[in-house]
Amino acid sequence: IIEALNSAIEACVDLITNEWHEKAKIAKDCASAAVFFSVLLALFVWGFILYSIYL
């Protein structure tokens, strides 16, 4: 779900401007960070579940 949001943000930024702009870079970086942190959260939850099952 977050990856779809990331793609949507990147597409919107690309639609608004084709030139390099610092704020466009920040928007894309924040969207990428959201994907990264969602993956970390998923790994943490899986780790917690596995820890609860096996210990």
Protein backbone atom coordinates (compact mmCIF):
# COMPACT_ATOMS: atom_id res chain seq x y z
CA ILE A 1 0.00 0.00 0.00
CA ILE A 2 2.77 2.42 0.89
CA GLU A 3 4.59 1.61 -2.35
CA ALA A 4 1.47 2.63 -4.28
CA LEU A 5 1.38 5.88 -2.32
CA ASN A 6 5.06 6.41 -3.13
CA SER A 7 4.40 5.86 -6.83
CA ALA A 8 1.45 8.25 -6.75
CA ILE A 9 3.50 10.98 -5.09
CA GLU A 10 6.33 10.55 -7.58
CA ALA A 11 3.90 10.65 -10.51
CA CYS A 12 2.26 13.82 -9.19
CA VAL A 13 5.61 15.51 -8.67
CA ASP A 14 6.70 14.52 -12.18
CA LEU A 15 3.41 15.80 -13.59
CA ILE A 16 3.83 19.18 -11.90
CA THR A 17 7.42 19.76 -12.92
CA ASN A 18 9.94 18.09 -15.18
CA GLU A 19 12.76 20.28 -13.95
CA TRP A 20 14.88 19.49 -10.92
CA HIS A 21 13.63 21.27 -7.84
CA GLU A 22 14.70 20.92 -4.22
CA LYS A 23 11.13 20.62 -2.92
CA ALA A 24 10.32 17.94 -5.51
CA LYS A 25 13.36 16.01 -4.32
CA ILE A 26 12.23 16.35 -0.70
CA ALA A 27 8.73 15.08 -1.57
CA LYS A 28 10.15 12.05 -3.36
CA ASP A 29 12.63 11.36 -0.57
CA CYS A 30 9.90 11.52 2.06
CA ALA A 31 7.75 9.10 0.07
CA SER A 32 10.71 6.72 -0.23
CA ALA A 33 11.36 7.04 3.50
CA ALA A 34 7.74 6.08 4.18
CA VAL A 35 8.25 2.88 2.18
CA PHE A 36 11.48 2.15 4.05
CA PHE A 37 9.90 2.65 7.47
CA SER A 38 6.86 0.57 6.55
CA VAL A 39 9.19 -2.30 5.63
CA LEU A 40 11.04 -1.88 8.93
CA LEU A 41 7.74 -1.92 10.80
CA ALA A 42 6.65 -5.08 8.98
CA LEU A 43 9.94 -6.78 9.86
CA PHE A 44 9.61 -5.70 13.49
CA VAL A 45 6.07 -7.10 13.69
CA TRP A 46 7.12 -10.39 12.09
CA GLY A 47 10.05 -10.61 14.47
CA PHE A 48 7.79 -9.97 17.44
CA ILE A 49 5.34 -12.64 16.27
CA LEU A 50 8.08 -15.20 15.72
CA TYR A 51 9.65 -14.33 19.06
CA SER A 52 6.29 -14.80 20.77
CA ILE A 53 5.73 -18.17 19.11
CA TYR A 54 9.15 -19.72 19.66
CA LEU A 55 10.16 -18.28 23.03
